[in-house]
C-alpha atoms as a PDB file:
ATOM      1  CA  MET A   1      -9.151  -4.297 -11.155  1.00  0.00           C
ATOM      2  CA  THR A   2     -10.174  -1.133  -9.319  1.00  0.00           C
ATOM      3  CA  VAL A   3     -12.122  -1.124  -6.060  1.00  0.00           C
ATOM      4  CA  LYS A   4     -13.511   2.145  -4.715  1.00  0.00           C
ATOM      5  CA  PHE A   5     -14.249   2.663  -1.024  1.00  0.00           C
ATOM      6  CA  ARG A   6     -16.192   5.555   0.509  1.00  0.00           C
ATOM      7  CA  ALA A   7     -14.716   6.831   3.777  1.00  0.00           C
ATOM      8  CA  TYR A   8     -16.638   8.310   6.685  1.00  0.00           C
ATOM      9  CA  TYR A   9     -15.144   9.739   9.837  1.00  0.00           C
ATOM     10  CA  ASN A  10     -16.688   9.786  13.309  1.00  0.00           C
ATOM     11  CA  GLY A  11     -14.394  11.437  15.802  1.00  0.00           C
ATOM     12  CA  ASP A  12     -11.128   9.506  15.908  1.00  0.00           C
ATOM     13  CA  LEU A  13     -12.356   6.544  13.835  1.00  0.00           C
ATOM     14  CA  GLY A  14     -12.571   6.182  10.098  1.00  0.00           C
ATOM     15  CA  PHE A  15     -14.937   3.744   8.407  1.00  0.00           C
ATOM     16  CA  ALA A  16     -14.843   2.681   4.770  1.00  0.00           C
ATOM     17  CA  GLU A  17     -17.215   0.605   2.674  1.00  0.00           C
ATOM     18  CA  ALA A  18     -16.700  -0.668  -0.852  1.00  0.00           C
ATOM     19  CA  GLU A  19     -19.107   0.558  -3.500  1.00  0.00           C
ATOM     20  CA  ARG A  20     -19.581  -2.675  -5.466  1.00  0.00           C
ATOM     21  CA  TYR A  21     -18.417  -5.377  -3.053  1.00  0.00           C
ATOM     22  CA  ASP A  22     -19.372  -6.498   0.425  1.00  0.00           C
ATOM     23  CA  MET A  23     -16.297  -5.075   2.164  1.00  0.00           C
ATOM     24  CA  PHE A  24     -15.905  -2.842   5.191  1.00  0.00           C
ATOM     25  CA  ALA A  25     -12.851  -1.490   7.046  1.00  0.00           C
ATOM     26  CA  ILE A  26     -12.126   0.528  10.191  1.00  0.00           C
ATOM     27  CA  GLY A  27      -9.041   2.511  11.202  1.00  0.00           C
ATOM     28  CA  ASP A  28      -8.074   4.975  13.922  1.00  0.00           C
ATOM     29  CA  SER A  29      -6.093   7.151  11.486  1.00  0.00           C
ATOM     30  CA  SER A  30      -6.127   7.764   7.747  1.00  0.00           C
ATOM     31  CA  ALA A  31      -3.058   5.563   7.321  1.00  0.00           C
ATOM     32  CA  GLU A  32      -4.558   2.729   9.370  1.00  0.00           C
ATOM     33  CA  LEU A  33      -7.836   3.002   7.469  1.00  0.00           C
ATOM     34  CA  MET A  34      -5.971   2.725   4.153  1.00  0.00           C
ATOM     35  CA  ARG A  35      -4.079  -0.337   5.404  1.00  0.00           C
ATOM     36  CA  SER A  36      -7.357  -1.934   6.548  1.00  0.00           C
ATOM     37  CA  VAL A  37      -8.998  -1.175   3.185  1.00  0.00           C
ATOM     38  CA  ASP A  38      -6.026  -2.687   1.336  1.00  0.00           C
ATOM     39  CA  VAL A  39      -6.159  -5.877   3.430  1.00  0.00           C
ATOM     40  CA  ALA A  40      -9.939  -6.187   3.043  1.00  0.00           C
ATOM     41  CA  ALA A  41      -9.701  -5.841  -0.737  1.00  0.00           C
ATOM     42  CA  ARG A  42      -6.832  -8.308  -1.100  1.00  0.00           C
ATOM     43  CA  VAL A  43      -8.488 -10.942   1.109  1.00  0.00           C
ATOM     44  CA  HIS A  44     -11.939 -10.547  -0.433  1.00  0.00           C
ATOM     45  CA  LEU A  45     -10.741 -10.518  -4.043  1.00  0.00           C
ATOM     46  CA  ASN A  46      -7.885 -13.007  -3.747  1.00  0.00           C
ATOM     47  CA  ASP A  47      -9.678 -15.713  -5.726  1.00  0.00           C
ATOM     48  CA  ARG A  48     -10.609 -13.261  -8.521  1.00  0.00           C
ATOM     49  CA  LEU A  49      -7.084 -12.049  -9.231  1.00  0.00           C
ATOM     50  CA  VAL A  50      -4.765 -13.897 -11.578  1.00  0.00           C
ATOM     51  CA  PRO A  51      -0.996 -13.456 -11.891  1.00  0.00           C
ATOM     52  CA  GLY A  52      -0.267 -10.144 -13.569  1.00  0.00           C
ATOM     53  CA  ASP A  53      -3.480  -8.447 -12.386  1.00  0.00           C
ATOM     54  CA  VAL A  54      -3.121  -5.071 -10.721  1.00  0.00           C
ATOM     55  CA  LEU A  55      -5.382  -4.253  -7.784  1.00  0.00           C
ATOM     56  CA  ARG A  56      -6.085  -0.531  -7.443  1.00  0.00           C
ATOM     57  CA  VAL A  57      -7.766   0.585  -4.242  1.00  0.00           C
ATOM     58  CA  LEU A  58      -9.322   4.055  -4.124  1.00  0.00           C
ATOM     59  CA  LEU A  59     -10.367   5.588  -0.806  1.00  0.00           C
ATOM     60  CA  ALA A  60     -12.554   8.659  -1.241  1.00  0.00           C
ATOM     61  CA  ASN A  61     -13.968  10.870   1.502  1.00  0.00           C
ATOM     62  CA  GLU A  62     -17.743  10.936   1.353  1.00  0.00           C
ATOM     63  CA  THR A  63     -19.021  14.468   0.676  1.00  0.00           C
ATOM     64  CA  GLY A  64     -19.943  16.206   3.879  1.00  0.00           C
ATOM     65  CA  ALA A  65     -17.896  13.902   6.114  1.00  0.00           C
ATOM     66  CA  GLY A  66     -15.883  15.557   8.815  1.00  0.00           C
ATOM     67  CA  GLY A  67     -12.478  14.543  10.050  1.00  0.00           C
END
């Protein structure tokens, strides 16, 4: 399963929202934002994954975003 997040940056904070799911994450660095996105996806989709499934999380900068 692949989940794509769009990332936006506002000063020192990064925000990410999933494209097809009701998930949102915040981080004060790119690494922290990726960790927050990973946790959000795993918690939100935990009941949809079965043993052997692979969860792919994509974090893409929204066009025009600064940071």
